[in-house]
Structures are given as structure tokens and as C-alpha cells.
N, C-alpha and C. Protein backbone atom coordinates (compact mmCIF):
# COMPACT_ATOMS: atom_id res chain seq x y z
N MET A 1 0.85 -1.18 0.00
CA MET A 1 0.00 0.00 0.00
C MET A 1 0.89 1.25 0.00
N PRO A 2 0.70 2.11 -0.97
CA PRO A 2 1.52 3.33 -1.01
C PRO A 2 1.13 4.28 0.13
N LEU A 3 2.12 5.00 0.61
CA LEU A 3 1.86 5.98 1.67
C LEU A 3 1.35 7.27 1.06
N PRO A 4 0.52 7.99 1.81
CA PRO A 4 0.04 9.28 1.30
C PRO A 4 1.19 10.28 1.21
N LYS A 5 1.09 11.20 0.29
CA LYS A 5 2.09 12.25 0.17
C LYS A 5 1.59 13.48 0.95
N PRO A 6 2.48 14.13 1.69
CA PRO A 6 2.06 15.34 2.39
C PRO A 6 1.54 16.39 1.40
N VAL A 7 0.53 17.15 1.81
CA VAL A 7 -0.01 18.20 0.95
C VAL A 7 0.60 19.55 1.28
N GLY A 8 1.65 19.54 2.09
CA GLY A 8 2.34 20.77 2.47
C GLY A 8 3.73 20.45 2.99
N PRO A 9 4.43 21.46 3.50
CA PRO A 9 5.79 21.26 4.00
C PRO A 9 5.82 20.66 5.41
N TYR A 10 5.53 19.38 5.50
CA TYR A 10 5.56 18.67 6.78
C TYR A 10 5.89 17.21 6.55
N SER A 11 6.29 16.53 7.61
CA SER A 11 6.60 15.10 7.56
C SER A 11 5.34 14.30 7.86
N LEU A 12 5.25 13.11 7.26
CA LEU A 12 4.13 12.22 7.58
C LEU A 12 4.14 11.87 9.07
N TYR A 13 5.33 11.70 9.61
CA TYR A 13 5.46 11.39 11.03
C TYR A 13 6.84 11.81 11.50
N ARG A 14 6.96 11.94 12.82
CA ARG A 14 8.25 12.22 13.47
C ARG A 14 8.32 11.38 14.72
N GLU A 15 9.50 10.82 14.96
CA GLU A 15 9.73 10.05 16.16
C GLU A 15 10.44 10.92 17.19
N ALA A 16 10.04 10.77 18.44
CA ALA A 16 10.67 11.48 19.56
C ALA A 16 10.74 10.49 20.73
N GLY A 17 11.91 9.91 20.94
CA GLY A 17 12.03 8.88 21.96
C GLY A 17 11.14 7.70 21.61
N ASP A 18 10.30 7.30 22.54
CA ASP A 18 9.40 6.16 22.31
C ASP A 18 8.07 6.56 21.69
N PHE A 19 7.93 7.83 21.33
CA PHE A 19 6.67 8.31 20.76
C PHE A 19 6.81 8.60 19.28
N VAL A 20 5.71 8.39 18.54
CA VAL A 20 5.64 8.72 17.12
C VAL A 20 4.44 9.65 16.95
N PHE A 21 4.70 10.80 16.36
CA PHE A 21 3.66 11.79 16.11
C PHE A 21 3.32 11.73 14.63
N ILE A 22 2.09 11.35 14.33
CA ILE A 22 1.65 11.19 12.94
C ILE A 22 0.80 12.38 12.54
N SER A 23 1.22 13.03 11.46
CA SER A 23 0.50 14.21 10.97
C SER A 23 -0.92 13.85 10.59
N GLY A 24 -1.79 14.86 10.62
CA GLY A 24 -3.18 14.67 10.27
C GLY A 24 -3.33 14.07 8.88
N GLN A 25 -4.19 13.06 8.80
CA GLN A 25 -4.47 12.38 7.54
C GLN A 25 -5.89 12.70 7.10
N ILE A 26 -6.00 13.12 5.85
CA ILE A 26 -7.32 13.33 5.26
C ILE A 26 -7.64 12.13 4.38
N GLY A 27 -8.86 12.06 3.90
CA GLY A 27 -9.30 10.91 3.11
C GLY A 27 -8.92 10.99 1.65
N ILE A 28 -7.65 11.25 1.39
CA ILE A 28 -7.18 11.31 0.01
C ILE A 28 -6.56 9.97 -0.36
N ASP A 29 -7.04 9.37 -1.42
CA ASP A 29 -6.53 8.09 -1.88
C ASP A 29 -5.10 8.28 -2.38
N PRO A 30 -4.10 7.59 -1.75
CA PRO A 30 -2.72 7.82 -2.15
C PRO A 30 -2.39 7.36 -3.57
N GLU A 31 -3.18 6.47 -4.12
CA GLU A 31 -2.93 5.99 -5.49
C GLU A 31 -3.54 6.91 -6.53
N GLN A 32 -4.74 7.40 -6.28
CA GLN A 32 -5.46 8.21 -7.27
C GLN A 32 -5.41 9.70 -6.98
N GLY A 33 -5.10 10.07 -5.75
CA GLY A 33 -5.05 11.48 -5.38
C GLY A 33 -6.42 12.14 -5.29
N LYS A 34 -7.46 11.33 -5.14
CA LYS A 34 -8.82 11.87 -5.08
C LYS A 34 -9.42 11.68 -3.70
N ILE A 35 -10.36 12.56 -3.38
CA ILE A 35 -11.09 12.49 -2.11
C ILE A 35 -12.55 12.21 -2.42
N PRO A 36 -13.11 11.11 -1.88
CA PRO A 36 -14.53 10.84 -2.12
C PRO A 36 -15.42 11.87 -1.43
N GLU A 37 -16.67 11.91 -1.80
CA GLU A 37 -17.62 12.89 -1.25
C GLU A 37 -18.06 12.56 0.17
N ASP A 38 -18.37 11.28 0.46
CA ASP A 38 -19.00 10.99 1.76
C ASP A 38 -17.97 10.87 2.88
N VAL A 39 -18.37 11.29 4.06
CA VAL A 39 -17.49 11.36 5.21
C VAL A 39 -17.06 9.96 5.68
N GLU A 40 -17.93 8.97 5.52
CA GLU A 40 -17.56 7.61 5.92
C GLU A 40 -16.37 7.11 5.12
N LYS A 41 -16.42 7.28 3.82
CA LYS A 41 -15.32 6.82 2.96
C LYS A 41 -14.05 7.64 3.23
N GLN A 42 -14.20 8.94 3.43
CA GLN A 42 -13.04 9.77 3.76
C GLN A 42 -12.41 9.30 5.06
N THR A 43 -13.23 8.96 6.05
CA THR A 43 -12.72 8.48 7.34
C THR A 43 -11.98 7.17 7.16
N GLU A 44 -12.55 6.27 6.38
CA GLU A 44 -11.92 4.97 6.12
C GLU A 44 -10.55 5.15 5.45
N ILE A 45 -10.49 6.00 4.45
CA ILE A 45 -9.21 6.23 3.76
C ILE A 45 -8.20 6.90 4.69
N ALA A 46 -8.64 7.90 5.46
CA ALA A 46 -7.74 8.57 6.39
C ALA A 46 -7.16 7.57 7.39
N LEU A 47 -8.00 6.69 7.92
CA LEU A 47 -7.53 5.68 8.87
C LEU A 47 -6.64 4.64 8.21
N ASN A 48 -6.94 4.27 6.97
CA ASN A 48 -6.05 3.36 6.24
C ASN A 48 -4.70 4.01 5.99
N ASN A 49 -4.69 5.32 5.69
CA ASN A 49 -3.43 6.04 5.52
C ASN A 49 -2.64 6.02 6.83
N LEU A 50 -3.33 6.27 7.93
CA LEU A 50 -2.70 6.24 9.24
C LEU A 50 -2.12 4.86 9.53
N LYS A 51 -2.90 3.84 9.25
CA LYS A 51 -2.47 2.45 9.46
C LYS A 51 -1.25 2.13 8.60
N GLY A 52 -1.23 2.60 7.35
CA GLY A 52 -0.10 2.37 6.47
C GLY A 52 1.18 3.01 6.99
N ILE A 53 1.05 4.22 7.53
CA ILE A 53 2.21 4.90 8.12
C ILE A 53 2.72 4.10 9.31
N LEU A 54 1.82 3.68 10.18
CA LEU A 54 2.22 2.87 11.33
C LEU A 54 2.95 1.60 10.89
N GLU A 55 2.38 0.89 9.94
CA GLU A 55 2.98 -0.36 9.48
C GLU A 55 4.34 -0.13 8.83
N SER A 56 4.52 1.02 8.18
CA SER A 56 5.80 1.30 7.52
C SER A 56 6.94 1.44 8.52
N ILE A 57 6.60 1.69 9.79
CA ILE A 57 7.64 1.81 10.82
C ILE A 57 7.50 0.70 11.87
N GLY A 58 6.82 -0.38 11.49
CA GLY A 58 6.74 -1.55 12.34
C GLY A 58 5.77 -1.46 13.49
N LEU A 59 4.79 -0.58 13.40
CA LEU A 59 3.80 -0.43 14.47
C LEU A 59 2.41 -0.84 13.98
N LYS A 60 1.48 -0.95 14.93
CA LYS A 60 0.10 -1.32 14.63
C LYS A 60 -0.84 -0.29 15.27
N THR A 61 -2.11 -0.41 14.96
CA THR A 61 -3.08 0.51 15.56
C THR A 61 -3.10 0.38 17.08
N GLU A 62 -2.71 -0.78 17.61
CA GLU A 62 -2.65 -0.98 19.06
C GLU A 62 -1.62 -0.06 19.71
N ASN A 63 -0.66 0.45 18.94
CA ASN A 63 0.36 1.35 19.47
C ASN A 63 -0.15 2.78 19.62
N VAL A 64 -1.30 3.09 19.03
CA VAL A 64 -1.83 4.45 19.08
C VAL A 64 -2.41 4.72 20.46
N VAL A 65 -1.93 5.79 21.10
CA VAL A 65 -2.40 6.13 22.44
C VAL A 65 -3.31 7.36 22.45
N LYS A 66 -3.27 8.17 21.38
CA LYS A 66 -4.09 9.39 21.33
C LYS A 66 -4.38 9.74 19.88
N THR A 67 -5.61 10.10 19.61
CA THR A 67 -5.97 10.63 18.29
C THR A 67 -6.71 11.95 18.47
N THR A 68 -6.65 12.75 17.44
CA THR A 68 -7.46 13.96 17.36
C THR A 68 -8.16 13.93 16.02
N ILE A 69 -9.46 14.14 16.06
CA ILE A 69 -10.27 14.15 14.84
C ILE A 69 -10.78 15.57 14.63
N PHE A 70 -10.63 16.06 13.42
CA PHE A 70 -11.14 17.37 13.03
C PHE A 70 -12.27 17.14 12.04
N LEU A 71 -13.43 17.73 12.31
CA LEU A 71 -14.62 17.57 11.46
C LEU A 71 -15.12 18.93 10.98
N ILE A 72 -15.50 18.99 9.73
CA ILE A 72 -16.13 20.19 9.19
C ILE A 72 -17.54 20.32 9.74
N ASP A 73 -18.22 19.19 9.92
CA ASP A 73 -19.60 19.18 10.41
C ASP A 73 -19.69 18.24 11.61
N ILE A 74 -19.89 18.77 12.79
CA ILE A 74 -19.95 17.96 14.00
C ILE A 74 -21.10 16.95 13.95
N ASN A 75 -22.08 17.18 13.08
CA ASN A 75 -23.16 16.21 12.91
C ASN A 75 -22.70 14.91 12.28
N ASP A 76 -21.48 14.91 11.71
CA ASP A 76 -20.90 13.69 11.15
C ASP A 76 -20.26 12.81 12.22
N PHE A 77 -20.26 13.27 13.47
CA PHE A 77 -19.64 12.56 14.58
C PHE A 77 -20.07 11.09 14.65
N PRO A 78 -21.37 10.75 14.61
CA PRO A 78 -21.77 9.33 14.68
C PRO A 78 -21.25 8.50 13.50
N LYS A 79 -21.26 9.08 12.31
CA LYS A 79 -20.77 8.35 11.13
C LYS A 79 -19.28 8.05 11.25
N VAL A 80 -18.52 9.04 11.70
CA VAL A 80 -17.08 8.86 11.87
C VAL A 80 -16.82 7.82 12.97
N ASN A 81 -17.57 7.88 14.06
CA ASN A 81 -17.41 6.91 15.14
C ASN A 81 -17.61 5.49 14.66
N GLU A 82 -18.59 5.29 13.80
CA GLU A 82 -18.88 3.95 13.30
C GLU A 82 -17.68 3.38 12.55
N VAL A 83 -17.08 4.17 11.68
CA VAL A 83 -15.91 3.72 10.92
C VAL A 83 -14.71 3.57 11.85
N TYR A 84 -14.50 4.56 12.71
CA TYR A 84 -13.37 4.58 13.64
C TYR A 84 -13.34 3.31 14.51
N SER A 85 -14.51 2.88 14.96
CA SER A 85 -14.59 1.72 15.86
C SER A 85 -14.14 0.43 15.19
N LYS A 86 -14.06 0.40 13.87
CA LYS A 86 -13.59 -0.78 13.14
C LYS A 86 -12.07 -0.83 13.06
N PHE A 87 -11.41 0.29 13.33
CA PHE A 87 -9.95 0.36 13.23
C PHE A 87 -9.25 0.21 14.57
N PHE A 88 -9.94 0.53 15.64
CA PHE A 88 -9.34 0.46 16.96
C PHE A 88 -10.18 -0.45 17.85
N SER A 89 -9.52 -1.08 18.81
CA SER A 89 -10.24 -1.93 19.76
C SER A 89 -9.88 -1.50 21.18
N GLU A 90 -10.61 -2.00 22.14
CA GLU A 90 -10.36 -1.63 23.53
C GLU A 90 -9.02 -2.16 23.99
N PRO A 91 -8.28 -1.44 24.78
CA PRO A 91 -8.60 -0.09 25.22
C PRO A 91 -8.37 0.91 24.09
N TYR A 92 -9.41 1.67 23.77
CA TYR A 92 -9.33 2.65 22.70
C TYR A 92 -8.31 3.74 23.04
N PRO A 93 -7.74 4.36 22.00
CA PRO A 93 -6.86 5.51 22.28
C PRO A 93 -7.66 6.64 22.92
N ALA A 94 -6.99 7.46 23.71
CA ALA A 94 -7.61 8.70 24.16
C ALA A 94 -7.91 9.51 22.91
N ARG A 95 -8.92 10.37 22.96
CA ARG A 95 -9.32 11.06 21.73
C ARG A 95 -9.98 12.38 22.01
N SER A 96 -9.74 13.31 21.10
CA SER A 96 -10.47 14.58 21.07
C SER A 96 -11.08 14.71 19.69
N THR A 97 -12.25 15.31 19.62
CA THR A 97 -12.89 15.61 18.34
C THR A 97 -13.24 17.08 18.35
N VAL A 98 -12.84 17.76 17.28
CA VAL A 98 -13.00 19.20 17.20
C VAL A 98 -13.69 19.58 15.89
N ALA A 99 -14.69 20.45 15.97
CA ALA A 99 -15.31 20.99 14.76
C ALA A 99 -14.48 22.18 14.29
N VAL A 100 -14.20 22.19 13.00
CA VAL A 100 -13.38 23.26 12.41
C VAL A 100 -14.11 23.87 11.21
N ASN A 101 -13.64 25.03 10.80
CA ASN A 101 -14.27 25.74 9.69
C ASN A 101 -13.96 25.12 8.33
N SER A 102 -12.71 24.68 8.14
CA SER A 102 -12.33 24.06 6.87
C SER A 102 -11.09 23.22 7.07
N LEU A 103 -10.84 22.34 6.09
CA LEU A 103 -9.68 21.46 6.09
C LEU A 103 -9.03 21.50 4.71
N PRO A 104 -7.75 21.10 4.62
CA PRO A 104 -7.09 21.09 3.33
C PRO A 104 -7.84 20.24 2.30
N LYS A 105 -7.79 20.67 1.07
CA LYS A 105 -8.39 19.95 -0.07
C LYS A 105 -9.90 19.77 0.08
N ASP A 106 -10.54 20.63 0.88
CA ASP A 106 -11.98 20.54 1.14
C ASP A 106 -12.40 19.21 1.76
N ALA A 107 -11.49 18.59 2.49
CA ALA A 107 -11.81 17.33 3.18
C ALA A 107 -12.86 17.59 4.26
N LYS A 108 -13.59 16.55 4.62
CA LYS A 108 -14.60 16.66 5.67
C LYS A 108 -14.09 16.18 7.02
N VAL A 109 -12.98 15.42 7.00
CA VAL A 109 -12.43 14.86 8.23
C VAL A 109 -10.91 14.78 8.11
N GLU A 110 -10.23 14.99 9.22
CA GLU A 110 -8.78 14.81 9.31
C GLU A 110 -8.49 14.15 10.65
N ILE A 111 -7.57 13.18 10.64
CA ILE A 111 -7.26 12.44 11.86
C ILE A 111 -5.74 12.41 12.06
N GLU A 112 -5.30 12.85 13.25
CA GLU A 112 -3.89 12.76 13.60
C GLU A 112 -3.74 11.81 14.78
N ALA A 113 -2.52 11.31 15.00
CA ALA A 113 -2.33 10.32 16.06
C ALA A 113 -0.97 10.43 16.71
N ILE A 114 -0.92 9.95 17.93
CA ILE A 114 0.33 9.77 18.67
C ILE A 114 0.41 8.29 19.03
N ALA A 115 1.52 7.66 18.67
CA ALA A 115 1.71 6.26 18.97
C ALA A 115 2.89 6.09 19.92
N TYR A 116 2.87 4.99 20.66
CA TYR A 116 3.94 4.68 21.60
C TYR A 116 4.58 3.36 21.16
N LYS A 117 5.89 3.38 21.02
CA LYS A 117 6.62 2.17 20.61
C LYS A 117 6.86 1.32 21.85
N LYS A 118 6.07 0.26 21.98
CA LYS A 118 6.22 -0.63 23.13
C LYS A 118 7.51 -1.43 23.01
N SER A 119 8.17 -1.66 24.15
CA SER A 119 9.42 -2.43 24.14
C SER A 119 9.12 -3.91 24.07
């Protein structure tokens, strides 16, 4: 699975000690460069991008300790939760969800994460 390309001057992730900070991922398909219309599909692609970054450095979704979700429309919260719950299992990462005015590329959702490299 190809990794997403940054849409600006930033790294996909940075390591600091035992922590990995993963930049916000939008629902842009890394192969086609397109963003679907519906928030569920955007969320799925964003989480797959996040998962791909984790796997590229030998980590799994179980290593994620914190996520932040940015939504254009807070009413999409239940739809995003439904998709999100398929990517993470208990104990779920700590999480914040924030409604914002806009996101890059007119995305409806963006998800960033902090992972911990277990010894």
C-alpha cells in the first residue's frame, strides 16, 4: 500500500524517543489522489493512511495512544465513530474531536495520532 504524500511542507510522522507523532491524515486516496464525497469513505481512507504509516515503521493501531479528529460538520460525529470503531479496539486511544471551519483539499475529516513504541 503506497503511503500518502504530504499536501504541504511537513513530515508524515516524526519520532521522539518512544513516541511517534503522525501528521493529520485526510481521506485522500494515495494511489489516485482523489477524495470521495462521503465522510464515511473519507474516514476509512484517512484511517487506512494512518495504518499504512504505522505499518511502515513496524507499528500497529494498538500502538496508538491518542488521536485527534477534526470535522467540518460535528453532525458527522456518529458516522465517523462507526468507521473509527472498526480500526481500533479496547482499550481505545484517548481522543479529542474538534469541529473546524475548513480542512485542506476541502476534506470533511482529518485524523492525527500519537503512537507509543512498546518495548
